[in-house]
Amino acid sequence: MKRSSKTKKISELLSDFLQNKKSDNREVLSPLKLWQEIMGVHIKSETKNIYIDKQVLYINIKNPYLKSDLISQKGNILKKIQTLNKNIINVVFN
């Protein structure tokens, strides 16, 4: 690895480091907060249980009609989830 001839001030390095940490923190959202941020408070209130197991987000929905709507939108929902947490590869509605 070549060393850059351009030097940076410590304050610039620290601000770069802190900006990178802020973007990393979005990936550490709990499953419940992730679900609420993607779908909103109303959909979250219709949810019984949410957990992640082996990179799969499992979501238990109370309302069967809402569940069928969410299953039909699974692809779009998964894309939105992956923007916030790249580790999730699938979503299962129970």
N, C-alpha and C. Protein backbone atom coordinates (compact mmCIF):
# COMPACT_ATOMS: atom_id res chain seq x y z
N MET A 1 0.84 -1.17 0.00
CA MET A 1 0.00 0.00 0.00
C MET A 1 0.89 1.23 0.00
N LYS A 2 0.67 2.09 -0.95
CA LYS A 2 1.46 3.31 -1.05
C LYS A 2 0.93 4.36 -0.08
N ARG A 3 1.85 5.11 0.42
CA ARG A 3 1.48 6.18 1.33
C ARG A 3 1.16 7.43 0.52
N SER A 4 0.10 8.09 0.89
CA SER A 4 -0.29 9.32 0.21
C SER A 4 0.62 10.45 0.65
N SER A 5 1.05 11.26 -0.28
CA SER A 5 1.93 12.38 0.05
C SER A 5 1.15 13.53 0.69
N LYS A 6 -0.16 13.49 0.55
CA LYS A 6 -1.00 14.53 1.13
C LYS A 6 -1.32 14.17 2.57
N THR A 7 -1.02 15.06 3.49
CA THR A 7 -1.30 14.81 4.90
C THR A 7 -2.61 15.46 5.29
N LYS A 8 -3.23 14.90 6.32
CA LYS A 8 -4.48 15.45 6.83
C LYS A 8 -4.30 15.86 8.28
N LYS A 9 -5.08 16.83 8.68
CA LYS A 9 -5.10 17.24 10.08
C LYS A 9 -5.83 16.19 10.89
N ILE A 10 -5.50 16.12 12.17
CA ILE A 10 -6.15 15.15 13.06
C ILE A 10 -7.65 15.43 13.12
N SER A 11 -8.05 16.67 13.13
CA SER A 11 -9.48 17.00 13.19
C SER A 11 -10.22 16.46 11.95
N GLU A 12 -9.58 16.51 10.78
CA GLU A 12 -10.19 15.96 9.57
C GLU A 12 -10.30 14.44 9.67
N LEU A 13 -9.27 13.80 10.19
CA LEU A 13 -9.31 12.34 10.36
C LEU A 13 -10.40 11.93 11.32
N LEU A 14 -10.53 12.67 12.43
CA LEU A 14 -11.57 12.35 13.40
C LEU A 14 -12.96 12.55 12.83
N SER A 15 -13.16 13.61 12.08
CA SER A 15 -14.49 13.83 11.50
C SER A 15 -14.82 12.75 10.47
N ASP A 16 -13.83 12.32 9.68
CA ASP A 16 -14.05 11.21 8.74
C ASP A 16 -14.41 9.94 9.48
N PHE A 17 -13.70 9.68 10.57
CA PHE A 17 -13.96 8.48 11.37
C PHE A 17 -15.37 8.51 11.96
N LEU A 18 -15.77 9.65 12.52
CA LEU A 18 -17.09 9.76 13.12
C LEU A 18 -18.20 9.65 12.09
N GLN A 19 -18.01 10.17 10.89
CA GLN A 19 -19.01 10.04 9.84
C GLN A 19 -19.16 8.58 9.43
N ASN A 20 -18.07 7.85 9.36
CA ASN A 20 -18.15 6.43 9.03
C ASN A 20 -18.85 5.66 10.14
N LYS A 21 -18.63 6.01 11.38
CA LYS A 21 -19.30 5.34 12.50
C LYS A 21 -20.80 5.59 12.47
N LYS A 22 -21.21 6.81 12.11
CA LYS A 22 -22.64 7.11 12.03
C LYS A 22 -23.32 6.25 10.98
N SER A 23 -22.68 6.05 9.85
CA SER A 23 -23.29 5.22 8.81
C SER A 23 -23.31 3.76 9.22
N ASP A 24 -22.33 3.31 10.01
CA ASP A 24 -22.30 1.93 10.49
C ASP A 24 -23.38 1.67 11.52
N ASN A 25 -23.76 2.67 12.30
CA ASN A 25 -24.76 2.49 13.34
C ASN A 25 -26.13 2.13 12.78
N ARG A 26 -26.43 2.49 11.56
CA ARG A 26 -27.73 2.16 10.96
C ARG A 26 -27.88 0.65 10.79
N GLU A 27 -26.78 -0.06 10.66
CA GLU A 27 -26.85 -1.50 10.48
C GLU A 27 -27.09 -2.25 11.78
N VAL A 28 -27.01 -1.57 12.91
CA VAL A 28 -27.12 -2.21 14.20
C VAL A 28 -28.52 -2.06 14.78
N LEU A 29 -29.47 -1.63 14.00
CA LEU A 29 -30.84 -1.47 14.48
C LEU A 29 -31.40 -2.81 14.93
N SER A 30 -32.16 -2.78 16.01
CA SER A 30 -32.85 -3.99 16.46
C SER A 30 -33.91 -4.35 15.41
N PRO A 31 -34.31 -5.62 15.36
CA PRO A 31 -35.33 -6.00 14.36
C PRO A 31 -36.62 -5.19 14.49
N LEU A 32 -37.03 -4.91 15.71
CA LEU A 32 -38.27 -4.16 15.91
C LEU A 32 -38.14 -2.72 15.41
N LYS A 33 -37.03 -2.07 15.70
CA LYS A 33 -36.82 -0.69 15.23
C LYS A 33 -36.64 -0.66 13.72
N LEU A 34 -35.98 -1.66 13.18
CA LEU A 34 -35.82 -1.75 11.74
C LEU A 34 -37.18 -1.87 11.06
N TRP A 35 -38.03 -2.74 11.57
CA TRP A 35 -39.37 -2.94 11.02
C TRP A 35 -40.21 -1.67 11.13
N GLN A 36 -40.12 -0.98 12.27
CA GLN A 36 -40.88 0.25 12.44
C GLN A 36 -40.39 1.33 11.49
N GLU A 37 -39.08 1.43 11.29
CA GLU A 37 -38.56 2.45 10.39
C GLU A 37 -38.97 2.20 8.94
N ILE A 38 -39.02 0.93 8.55
CA ILE A 38 -39.40 0.60 7.18
C ILE A 38 -40.92 0.73 6.97
N MET A 39 -41.71 0.19 7.87
CA MET A 39 -43.15 0.06 7.63
C MET A 39 -44.02 1.06 8.40
N GLY A 40 -43.51 1.67 9.43
CA GLY A 40 -44.29 2.64 10.19
C GLY A 40 -44.89 2.05 11.46
N VAL A 41 -45.49 2.92 12.25
CA VAL A 41 -46.01 2.55 13.56
C VAL A 41 -47.25 1.66 13.45
N HIS A 42 -48.12 1.94 12.48
CA HIS A 42 -49.36 1.16 12.35
C HIS A 42 -49.08 -0.30 12.04
N ILE A 43 -48.20 -0.55 11.08
CA ILE A 43 -47.87 -1.94 10.73
C ILE A 43 -47.15 -2.61 11.89
N LYS A 44 -46.30 -1.86 12.58
CA LYS A 44 -45.60 -2.41 13.74
C LYS A 44 -46.59 -2.82 14.83
N SER A 45 -47.66 -2.06 14.99
CA SER A 45 -48.65 -2.39 16.01
C SER A 45 -49.42 -3.67 15.68
N GLU A 46 -49.44 -4.06 14.42
CA GLU A 46 -50.11 -5.30 13.99
C GLU A 46 -49.14 -6.50 14.00
N THR A 47 -47.95 -6.29 14.56
CA THR A 47 -46.93 -7.32 14.56
C THR A 47 -46.83 -7.95 15.95
N LYS A 48 -46.78 -9.28 15.99
CA LYS A 48 -46.65 -9.99 17.27
C LYS A 48 -45.19 -10.14 17.68
N ASN A 49 -44.38 -10.66 16.78
CA ASN A 49 -43.02 -11.03 17.12
C ASN A 49 -42.12 -10.82 15.91
N ILE A 50 -40.91 -10.32 16.16
CA ILE A 50 -39.93 -10.13 15.10
C ILE A 50 -38.59 -10.61 15.62
N TYR A 51 -37.91 -11.42 14.82
CA TYR A 51 -36.57 -11.85 15.19
C TYR A 51 -35.77 -12.19 13.95
N ILE A 52 -34.46 -12.22 14.11
CA ILE A 52 -33.54 -12.56 13.03
C ILE A 52 -32.85 -13.86 13.39
N ASP A 53 -32.85 -14.79 12.45
CA ASP A 53 -32.15 -16.06 12.63
C ASP A 53 -31.47 -16.43 11.33
N LYS A 54 -30.15 -16.55 11.36
CA LYS A 54 -29.35 -16.93 10.19
C LYS A 54 -29.63 -16.04 8.99
N GLN A 55 -29.57 -14.74 9.18
CA GLN A 55 -29.74 -13.72 8.16
C GLN A 55 -31.14 -13.68 7.55
N VAL A 56 -32.12 -14.24 8.24
CA VAL A 56 -33.51 -14.20 7.79
C VAL A 56 -34.32 -13.46 8.85
N LEU A 57 -35.12 -12.49 8.41
CA LEU A 57 -35.98 -11.73 9.31
C LEU A 57 -37.34 -12.41 9.34
N TYR A 58 -37.73 -12.90 10.52
CA TYR A 58 -39.02 -13.55 10.71
C TYR A 58 -39.98 -12.56 11.37
N ILE A 59 -41.18 -12.44 10.79
CA ILE A 59 -42.16 -11.47 11.27
C ILE A 59 -43.51 -12.17 11.43
N ASN A 60 -44.06 -12.13 12.64
CA ASN A 60 -45.39 -12.68 12.90
C ASN A 60 -46.40 -11.54 12.86
N ILE A 61 -47.38 -11.66 11.98
CA ILE A 61 -48.40 -10.63 11.77
C ILE A 61 -49.73 -11.10 12.36
N LYS A 62 -50.41 -10.23 13.11
CA LYS A 62 -51.70 -10.57 13.73
C LYS A 62 -52.83 -10.67 12.71
N ASN A 63 -52.92 -9.71 11.82
CA ASN A 63 -54.03 -9.59 10.88
C ASN A 63 -53.74 -10.41 9.62
N PRO A 64 -54.56 -11.41 9.30
CA PRO A 64 -54.30 -12.25 8.12
C PRO A 64 -54.39 -11.49 6.79
N TYR A 65 -55.24 -10.47 6.73
CA TYR A 65 -55.37 -9.68 5.50
C TYR A 65 -54.12 -8.83 5.28
N LEU A 66 -53.63 -8.25 6.34
CA LEU A 66 -52.39 -7.48 6.26
C LEU A 66 -51.22 -8.39 5.89
N LYS A 67 -51.22 -9.57 6.46
CA LYS A 67 -50.16 -10.55 6.17
C LYS A 67 -50.13 -10.87 4.67
N SER A 68 -51.28 -11.09 4.07
CA SER A 68 -51.32 -11.41 2.64
C SER A 68 -50.85 -10.23 1.79
N ASP A 69 -51.19 -9.01 2.22
CA ASP A 69 -50.71 -7.82 1.51
C ASP A 69 -49.19 -7.71 1.60
N LEU A 70 -48.65 -7.97 2.79
CA LEU A 70 -47.20 -7.88 2.97
C LEU A 70 -46.47 -8.96 2.18
N ILE A 71 -47.04 -10.13 2.10
CA ILE A 71 -46.42 -11.21 1.33
C ILE A 71 -46.36 -10.83 -0.15
N SER A 72 -47.41 -10.17 -0.64
CA SER A 72 -47.40 -9.76 -2.05
C SER A 72 -46.37 -8.66 -2.32
N GLN A 73 -45.99 -7.91 -1.29
CA GLN A 73 -45.00 -6.84 -1.43
C GLN A 73 -43.63 -7.24 -0.89
N LYS A 74 -43.40 -8.53 -0.71
CA LYS A 74 -42.18 -9.03 -0.07
C LYS A 74 -40.90 -8.54 -0.75
N GLY A 75 -40.86 -8.51 -2.05
CA GLY A 75 -39.67 -8.07 -2.78
C GLY A 75 -39.31 -6.63 -2.48
N ASN A 76 -40.31 -5.76 -2.51
CA ASN A 76 -40.07 -4.34 -2.20
C ASN A 76 -39.66 -4.14 -0.75
N ILE A 77 -40.30 -4.87 0.14
CA ILE A 77 -39.99 -4.75 1.56
C ILE A 77 -38.55 -5.21 1.82
N LEU A 78 -38.15 -6.31 1.19
CA LEU A 78 -36.80 -6.81 1.37
C LEU A 78 -35.76 -5.81 0.88
N LYS A 79 -36.03 -5.15 -0.23
CA LYS A 79 -35.10 -4.12 -0.75
C LYS A 79 -34.95 -2.98 0.24
N LYS A 80 -36.06 -2.54 0.84
CA LYS A 80 -36.01 -1.45 1.82
C LYS A 80 -35.24 -1.87 3.06
N ILE A 81 -35.46 -3.10 3.50
CA ILE A 81 -34.76 -3.61 4.68
C ILE A 81 -33.26 -3.69 4.41
N GLN A 82 -32.89 -4.14 3.22
CA GLN A 82 -31.48 -4.28 2.89
C GLN A 82 -30.76 -2.94 2.76
N THR A 83 -31.50 -1.86 2.54
CA THR A 83 -30.85 -0.55 2.55
C THR A 83 -30.39 -0.18 3.95
N LEU A 84 -31.09 -0.68 4.97
CA LEU A 84 -30.73 -0.39 6.36
C LEU A 84 -29.89 -1.48 7.00
N ASN A 85 -30.05 -2.72 6.56
CA ASN A 85 -29.29 -3.83 7.12
C ASN A 85 -28.95 -4.79 5.99
N LYS A 86 -27.73 -4.73 5.51
CA LYS A 86 -27.31 -5.54 4.37
C LYS A 86 -27.14 -7.01 4.71
N ASN A 87 -27.14 -7.36 6.00
CA ASN A 87 -26.95 -8.74 6.40
C ASN A 87 -28.20 -9.60 6.21
N ILE A 88 -29.36 -8.99 6.11
CA ILE A 88 -30.61 -9.75 5.95
C ILE A 88 -30.79 -10.13 4.49
N ILE A 89 -30.96 -11.43 4.25
CA ILE A 89 -31.08 -11.91 2.88
C ILE A 89 -32.49 -12.38 2.52
N ASN A 90 -33.36 -12.52 3.53
CA ASN A 90 -34.72 -12.98 3.25
C ASN A 90 -35.67 -12.50 4.35
N VAL A 91 -36.96 -12.44 4.02
CA VAL A 91 -38.01 -12.08 4.97
C VAL A 91 -39.06 -13.17 4.93
N VAL A 92 -39.49 -13.64 6.11
CA VAL A 92 -40.53 -14.67 6.20
C VAL A 92 -41.64 -14.12 7.07
N PHE A 93 -42.87 -14.15 6.55
CA PHE A 93 -44.04 -13.72 7.31
C PHE A 93 -44.75 -14.93 7.85
N ASN A 94 -44.91 -14.99 9.18
CA ASN A 94 -45.61 -16.09 9.83
C ASN A 94 -46.98 -15.67 10.28
